[in-house]
Amino acid sequence: MLAIVLREYPETMIVSDARTSMALTQFITYRGGHHCLYSVGYRKVIDKRPQLNREGIEIHLMMETMGHGALKENNFLDDGAYMALKIIIEMVHMKLAGSKEGIGRKDKKVGAGFMW
């Protein structure tokens, strides 16, 4: 989902809870985005959006380590079905284009040897 959002909205801020690793920050910044690590807990992550918006920072995805996530284009609802459908649509587009790679794949070593 991150790769899709960062392709659609370059330089956007992604908000996540503090339990994520530095590899996530590297994944986001490598694709031109910005990462805001915030307090643990879905509600706290969601509640960070109004503050950042008042500061003029645009956010398109907020996520929490346990799997909750909210997209701006879906009114920041915690809607796994919406995200799953968005990923499936991306995979269909890739298949039709003849791609054999994964979503967001970039052949470059980042962080602790991860290939993204």
N, C-alpha and C. Protein backbone atom coordinates (compact mmCIF):
# COMPACT_ATOMS: atom_id res chain seq x y z
N MET A 1 0.83 -1.19 0.00
CA MET A 1 0.00 0.00 0.00
C MET A 1 0.87 1.26 0.00
N LEU A 2 1.97 1.21 0.75
CA LEU A 2 2.87 2.36 0.78
C LEU A 2 3.38 2.73 -0.61
N ALA A 3 3.83 1.73 -1.36
CA ALA A 3 4.38 2.00 -2.69
C ALA A 3 3.32 2.64 -3.59
N ILE A 4 2.09 2.19 -3.49
CA ILE A 4 1.01 2.74 -4.30
C ILE A 4 0.74 4.19 -3.92
N VAL A 5 0.60 4.44 -2.62
CA VAL A 5 0.31 5.80 -2.14
C VAL A 5 1.44 6.75 -2.49
N LEU A 6 2.68 6.31 -2.30
CA LEU A 6 3.81 7.20 -2.59
C LEU A 6 3.98 7.46 -4.08
N ARG A 7 3.56 6.53 -4.94
CA ARG A 7 3.58 6.78 -6.38
C ARG A 7 2.49 7.78 -6.75
N GLU A 8 1.31 7.64 -6.14
CA GLU A 8 0.20 8.52 -6.46
C GLU A 8 0.36 9.92 -5.85
N TYR A 9 0.99 9.99 -4.70
CA TYR A 9 1.14 11.26 -3.97
C TYR A 9 2.58 11.43 -3.51
N PRO A 10 3.48 11.73 -4.44
CA PRO A 10 4.88 11.90 -4.06
C PRO A 10 5.03 12.99 -2.99
N GLU A 11 5.95 12.79 -2.12
CA GLU A 11 6.29 13.73 -1.05
C GLU A 11 5.23 13.82 0.04
N THR A 12 4.25 12.93 0.05
CA THR A 12 3.25 12.96 1.11
C THR A 12 3.85 12.48 2.43
N MET A 13 3.21 12.83 3.51
CA MET A 13 3.59 12.36 4.84
C MET A 13 2.81 11.09 5.14
N ILE A 14 3.51 10.08 5.63
CA ILE A 14 2.90 8.84 6.08
C ILE A 14 3.02 8.83 7.60
N VAL A 15 1.92 8.62 8.29
CA VAL A 15 1.93 8.58 9.76
C VAL A 15 1.81 7.13 10.20
N SER A 16 2.69 6.71 11.10
CA SER A 16 2.60 5.36 11.65
C SER A 16 2.92 5.40 13.13
N ASP A 17 2.61 4.31 13.82
CA ASP A 17 2.92 4.30 15.25
C ASP A 17 4.40 3.98 15.45
N ALA A 18 4.85 4.20 16.66
CA ALA A 18 6.28 4.13 16.98
C ALA A 18 6.85 2.71 16.99
N ARG A 19 6.02 1.70 16.82
CA ARG A 19 6.53 0.32 16.84
C ARG A 19 7.15 -0.09 15.51
N THR A 20 7.11 0.76 14.52
CA THR A 20 7.68 0.40 13.22
C THR A 20 9.20 0.55 13.26
N SER A 21 9.87 -0.12 12.35
CA SER A 21 11.33 -0.10 12.33
C SER A 21 11.84 1.03 11.43
N MET A 22 13.13 1.25 11.51
CA MET A 22 13.76 2.24 10.65
C MET A 22 13.69 1.81 9.18
N ALA A 23 13.53 0.53 8.92
CA ALA A 23 13.39 0.06 7.54
C ALA A 23 12.16 0.69 6.89
N LEU A 24 11.10 0.88 7.66
CA LEU A 24 9.90 1.53 7.11
C LEU A 24 10.21 2.97 6.73
N THR A 25 10.91 3.67 7.60
CA THR A 25 11.30 5.05 7.29
C THR A 25 12.16 5.09 6.03
N GLN A 26 13.08 4.16 5.89
CA GLN A 26 13.93 4.11 4.70
C GLN A 26 13.10 3.82 3.45
N PHE A 27 12.15 2.91 3.56
CA PHE A 27 11.27 2.56 2.44
C PHE A 27 10.52 3.80 1.97
N ILE A 28 9.99 4.57 2.91
CA ILE A 28 9.21 5.77 2.60
C ILE A 28 10.09 6.86 2.00
N THR A 29 11.21 7.16 2.64
CA THR A 29 12.06 8.25 2.16
C THR A 29 12.73 7.91 0.83
N TYR A 30 13.04 6.63 0.60
CA TYR A 30 13.63 6.22 -0.67
C TYR A 30 12.69 6.52 -1.82
N ARG A 31 11.39 6.49 -1.55
CA ARG A 31 10.39 6.77 -2.58
C ARG A 31 9.93 8.23 -2.56
N GLY A 32 10.62 9.08 -1.81
CA GLY A 32 10.34 10.51 -1.82
C GLY A 32 9.33 10.99 -0.81
N GLY A 33 8.84 10.10 0.03
CA GLY A 33 7.86 10.49 1.04
C GLY A 33 8.50 10.92 2.34
N HIS A 34 7.67 11.26 3.28
CA HIS A 34 8.11 11.66 4.61
C HIS A 34 7.39 10.79 5.63
N HIS A 35 8.06 10.52 6.74
CA HIS A 35 7.51 9.61 7.74
C HIS A 35 7.38 10.30 9.08
N CYS A 36 6.21 10.21 9.66
CA CYS A 36 5.96 10.73 11.00
C CYS A 36 5.68 9.55 11.92
N LEU A 37 6.64 9.26 12.80
CA LEU A 37 6.43 8.23 13.81
C LEU A 37 5.69 8.88 14.97
N TYR A 38 4.64 8.23 15.43
CA TYR A 38 3.83 8.82 16.50
C TYR A 38 3.54 7.77 17.55
N SER A 39 2.76 8.12 18.53
CA SER A 39 2.44 7.24 19.65
C SER A 39 1.84 5.92 19.20
N VAL A 40 1.99 4.92 20.04
CA VAL A 40 1.42 3.61 19.78
C VAL A 40 -0.09 3.65 19.95
N GLY A 41 -0.78 3.02 19.03
CA GLY A 41 -2.23 2.93 19.10
C GLY A 41 -2.90 3.57 17.91
N TYR A 42 -3.85 2.86 17.36
CA TYR A 42 -4.54 3.32 16.16
C TYR A 42 -5.20 4.68 16.35
N ARG A 43 -5.94 4.86 17.41
CA ARG A 43 -6.66 6.11 17.64
C ARG A 43 -5.69 7.28 17.73
N LYS A 44 -4.54 7.08 18.37
CA LYS A 44 -3.55 8.15 18.47
C LYS A 44 -2.98 8.51 17.11
N VAL A 45 -2.72 7.49 16.29
CA VAL A 45 -2.20 7.73 14.93
C VAL A 45 -3.23 8.51 14.13
N ILE A 46 -4.50 8.10 14.20
CA ILE A 46 -5.56 8.79 13.47
C ILE A 46 -5.73 10.23 13.96
N ASP A 47 -5.62 10.43 15.26
CA ASP A 47 -5.80 11.76 15.84
C ASP A 47 -4.64 12.71 15.53
N LYS A 48 -3.54 12.21 15.00
CA LYS A 48 -2.40 13.06 14.63
C LYS A 48 -2.70 13.86 13.35
N ARG A 49 -3.57 13.35 12.50
CA ARG A 49 -3.85 13.99 11.22
C ARG A 49 -4.32 15.44 11.34
N PRO A 50 -5.31 15.77 12.17
CA PRO A 50 -5.75 17.17 12.23
C PRO A 50 -4.62 18.14 12.61
N GLN A 51 -3.77 17.72 13.53
CA GLN A 51 -2.66 18.59 13.93
C GLN A 51 -1.72 18.85 12.76
N LEU A 52 -1.34 17.78 12.04
CA LEU A 52 -0.43 17.95 10.91
C LEU A 52 -1.08 18.75 9.79
N ASN A 53 -2.38 18.54 9.57
CA ASN A 53 -3.10 19.32 8.55
C ASN A 53 -3.10 20.81 8.88
N ARG A 54 -3.28 21.15 10.16
CA ARG A 54 -3.24 22.56 10.58
C ARG A 54 -1.87 23.17 10.31
N GLU A 55 -0.84 22.34 10.36
CA GLU A 55 0.53 22.80 10.08
C GLU A 55 0.83 22.83 8.58
N GLY A 56 -0.15 22.50 7.77
CA GLY A 56 0.02 22.53 6.32
C GLY A 56 0.65 21.29 5.73
N ILE A 57 0.69 20.21 6.50
CA ILE A 57 1.29 18.96 6.04
C ILE A 57 0.19 18.04 5.52
N GLU A 58 0.31 17.64 4.26
CA GLU A 58 -0.70 16.77 3.66
C GLU A 58 -0.37 15.31 3.94
N ILE A 59 -1.39 14.57 4.33
CA ILE A 59 -1.24 13.16 4.68
C ILE A 59 -2.21 12.36 3.82
N HIS A 60 -1.73 11.25 3.27
CA HIS A 60 -2.59 10.39 2.46
C HIS A 60 -2.74 9.00 3.03
N LEU A 61 -1.89 8.62 3.99
CA LEU A 61 -1.99 7.29 4.59
C LEU A 61 -1.53 7.35 6.04
N MET A 62 -2.34 6.75 6.89
CA MET A 62 -1.97 6.57 8.30
C MET A 62 -2.12 5.09 8.59
N MET A 63 -1.13 4.51 9.29
CA MET A 63 -1.21 3.08 9.57
C MET A 63 -0.66 2.77 10.94
N GLU A 64 -1.09 1.64 11.43
CA GLU A 64 -0.71 1.20 12.76
C GLU A 64 -0.17 -0.22 12.63
N THR A 65 0.78 -0.58 13.44
CA THR A 65 1.50 -1.84 13.30
C THR A 65 0.59 -3.07 13.30
N MET A 66 -0.50 -3.03 14.00
CA MET A 66 -1.39 -4.20 14.08
C MET A 66 -2.21 -4.40 12.81
N GLY A 67 -2.06 -3.53 11.83
CA GLY A 67 -2.71 -3.73 10.54
C GLY A 67 -3.80 -2.73 10.20
N HIS A 68 -4.13 -1.85 11.11
CA HIS A 68 -5.13 -0.83 10.79
C HIS A 68 -4.50 0.20 9.88
N GLY A 69 -5.31 0.74 8.98
CA GLY A 69 -4.82 1.78 8.09
C GLY A 69 -5.96 2.61 7.57
N ALA A 70 -5.66 3.85 7.22
CA ALA A 70 -6.68 4.76 6.73
C ALA A 70 -6.10 5.61 5.61
N LEU A 71 -6.85 5.73 4.51
CA LEU A 71 -6.45 6.51 3.35
C LEU A 71 -7.29 7.78 3.25
N LYS A 72 -6.66 8.87 2.87
CA LYS A 72 -7.37 10.13 2.67
C LYS A 72 -8.48 9.97 1.64
N GLU A 73 -8.18 9.26 0.53
CA GLU A 73 -9.17 9.12 -0.54
C GLU A 73 -10.41 8.34 -0.11
N ASN A 74 -10.35 7.69 1.04
CA ASN A 74 -11.49 6.95 1.59
C ASN A 74 -11.94 7.58 2.91
N ASN A 75 -11.79 8.89 3.01
CA ASN A 75 -12.21 9.67 4.18
C ASN A 75 -11.60 9.18 5.48
N PHE A 76 -10.39 8.63 5.41
CA PHE A 76 -9.65 8.14 6.57
C PHE A 76 -10.42 7.10 7.38
N LEU A 77 -11.21 6.29 6.69
CA LEU A 77 -11.89 5.18 7.37
C LEU A 77 -10.92 4.01 7.52
N ASP A 78 -11.01 3.30 8.60
CA ASP A 78 -10.21 2.10 8.82
C ASP A 78 -10.89 0.99 8.03
N ASP A 79 -10.51 0.84 6.78
CA ASP A 79 -11.24 -0.02 5.85
C ASP A 79 -10.28 -0.95 5.11
N GLY A 80 -10.05 -2.12 5.68
CA GLY A 80 -9.15 -3.09 5.07
C GLY A 80 -9.63 -3.58 3.72
N ALA A 81 -10.95 -3.70 3.54
CA ALA A 81 -11.49 -4.16 2.26
C ALA A 81 -11.17 -3.16 1.16
N TYR A 82 -11.26 -1.86 1.44
CA TYR A 82 -10.94 -0.83 0.46
C TYR A 82 -9.47 -0.93 0.06
N MET A 83 -8.60 -1.09 1.06
CA MET A 83 -7.16 -1.19 0.76
C MET A 83 -6.85 -2.45 -0.02
N ALA A 84 -7.47 -3.56 0.35
CA ALA A 84 -7.24 -4.82 -0.37
C ALA A 84 -7.66 -4.68 -1.84
N LEU A 85 -8.80 -4.06 -2.08
CA LEU A 85 -9.28 -3.87 -3.44
C LEU A 85 -8.32 -2.96 -4.23
N LYS A 86 -7.81 -1.94 -3.59
CA LYS A 86 -6.87 -1.04 -4.23
C LYS A 86 -5.60 -1.79 -4.64
N ILE A 87 -5.14 -2.69 -3.79
CA ILE A 87 -3.95 -3.49 -4.11
C ILE A 87 -4.25 -4.45 -5.25
N ILE A 88 -5.41 -5.09 -5.23
CA ILE A 88 -5.79 -6.01 -6.31
C ILE A 88 -5.87 -5.27 -7.65
N ILE A 89 -6.45 -4.09 -7.66
CA ILE A 89 -6.53 -3.29 -8.89
C ILE A 89 -5.13 -2.97 -9.40
N GLU A 90 -4.23 -2.60 -8.51
CA GLU A 90 -2.85 -2.32 -8.90
C GLU A 90 -2.20 -3.56 -9.51
N MET A 91 -2.43 -4.72 -8.91
CA MET A 91 -1.86 -5.96 -9.43
C MET A 91 -2.41 -6.30 -10.82
N VAL A 92 -3.69 -6.06 -11.05
CA VAL A 92 -4.29 -6.29 -12.36
C VAL A 92 -3.66 -5.36 -13.40
N HIS A 93 -3.50 -4.09 -13.04
CA HIS A 93 -2.86 -3.14 -13.97
C HIS A 93 -1.45 -3.60 -14.32
N MET A 94 -0.72 -4.07 -13.31
CA MET A 94 0.64 -4.54 -13.55
C MET A 94 0.64 -5.77 -14.47
N LYS A 95 -0.26 -6.69 -14.23
CA LYS A 95 -0.35 -7.90 -15.05
C LYS A 95 -0.68 -7.55 -16.50
N LEU A 96 -1.63 -6.63 -16.68
CA LEU A 96 -2.01 -6.22 -18.03
C LEU A 96 -0.87 -5.51 -18.75
N ALA A 97 -0.01 -4.85 -17.97
CA ALA A 97 1.14 -4.16 -18.55
C ALA A 97 2.32 -5.11 -18.79
N GLY A 98 2.16 -6.37 -18.37
CA GLY A 98 3.21 -7.35 -18.60
C GLY A 98 4.28 -7.39 -17.52
N SER A 99 4.06 -6.71 -16.41
CA SER A 99 5.06 -6.69 -15.33
C SER A 99 5.12 -8.04 -14.62
N LYS A 100 6.34 -8.43 -14.27
CA LYS A 100 6.54 -9.65 -13.49
C LYS A 100 7.09 -9.30 -12.11
N GLU A 101 7.19 -8.04 -11.80
CA GLU A 101 7.72 -7.58 -10.53
C GLU A 101 6.61 -7.38 -9.51
N GLY A 102 7.01 -7.21 -8.26
CA GLY A 102 6.04 -6.91 -7.20
C GLY A 102 5.71 -5.44 -7.19
N ILE A 103 4.67 -5.09 -6.48
CA ILE A 103 4.27 -3.69 -6.36
C ILE A 103 5.37 -2.89 -5.68
N GLY A 104 5.78 -1.82 -6.31
CA GLY A 104 6.76 -0.92 -5.71
C GLY A 104 8.19 -1.41 -5.72
N ARG A 105 8.48 -2.46 -6.44
CA ARG A 105 9.82 -3.03 -6.44
C ARG A 105 10.81 -2.05 -7.05
N LYS A 106 11.90 -1.86 -6.36
CA LYS A 106 13.02 -1.07 -6.88
C LYS A 106 14.28 -1.87 -6.60
N ASP A 107 15.08 -2.09 -7.59
CA ASP A 107 16.28 -2.90 -7.42
C ASP A 107 17.42 -2.07 -6.84
N LYS A 108 17.34 -1.85 -5.56
CA LYS A 108 18.39 -1.12 -4.88
C LYS A 108 18.41 -1.59 -3.43
N LYS A 109 19.62 -1.75 -2.91
CA LYS A 109 19.72 -2.13 -1.51
C LYS A 109 19.42 -0.92 -0.65
N VAL A 110 18.60 -1.13 0.35
CA VAL A 110 18.23 -0.06 1.29
C VAL A 110 18.30 -0.65 2.68
N GLY A 111 18.81 0.11 3.62
CA GLY A 111 18.78 -0.34 5.01
C GLY A 111 19.63 -1.58 5.22
N ALA A 112 19.10 -2.53 5.93
CA ALA A 112 19.83 -3.73 6.32
C ALA A 112 19.81 -4.78 5.22
N GLY A 113 20.09 -4.38 4.00
CA GLY A 113 20.19 -5.32 2.91
C GLY A 113 18.87 -5.69 2.25
N PHE A 114 17.80 -4.99 2.56
CA PHE A 114 16.51 -5.29 1.96
C PHE A 114 16.48 -4.80 0.52
N MET A 115 15.87 -5.57 -0.33
CA MET A 115 15.69 -5.16 -1.72
C MET A 115 14.30 -4.58 -1.89
N TRP A 116 14.22 -3.32 -2.25
CA TRP A 116 12.91 -2.70 -2.48
C TRP A 116 12.86 -2.11 -3.85
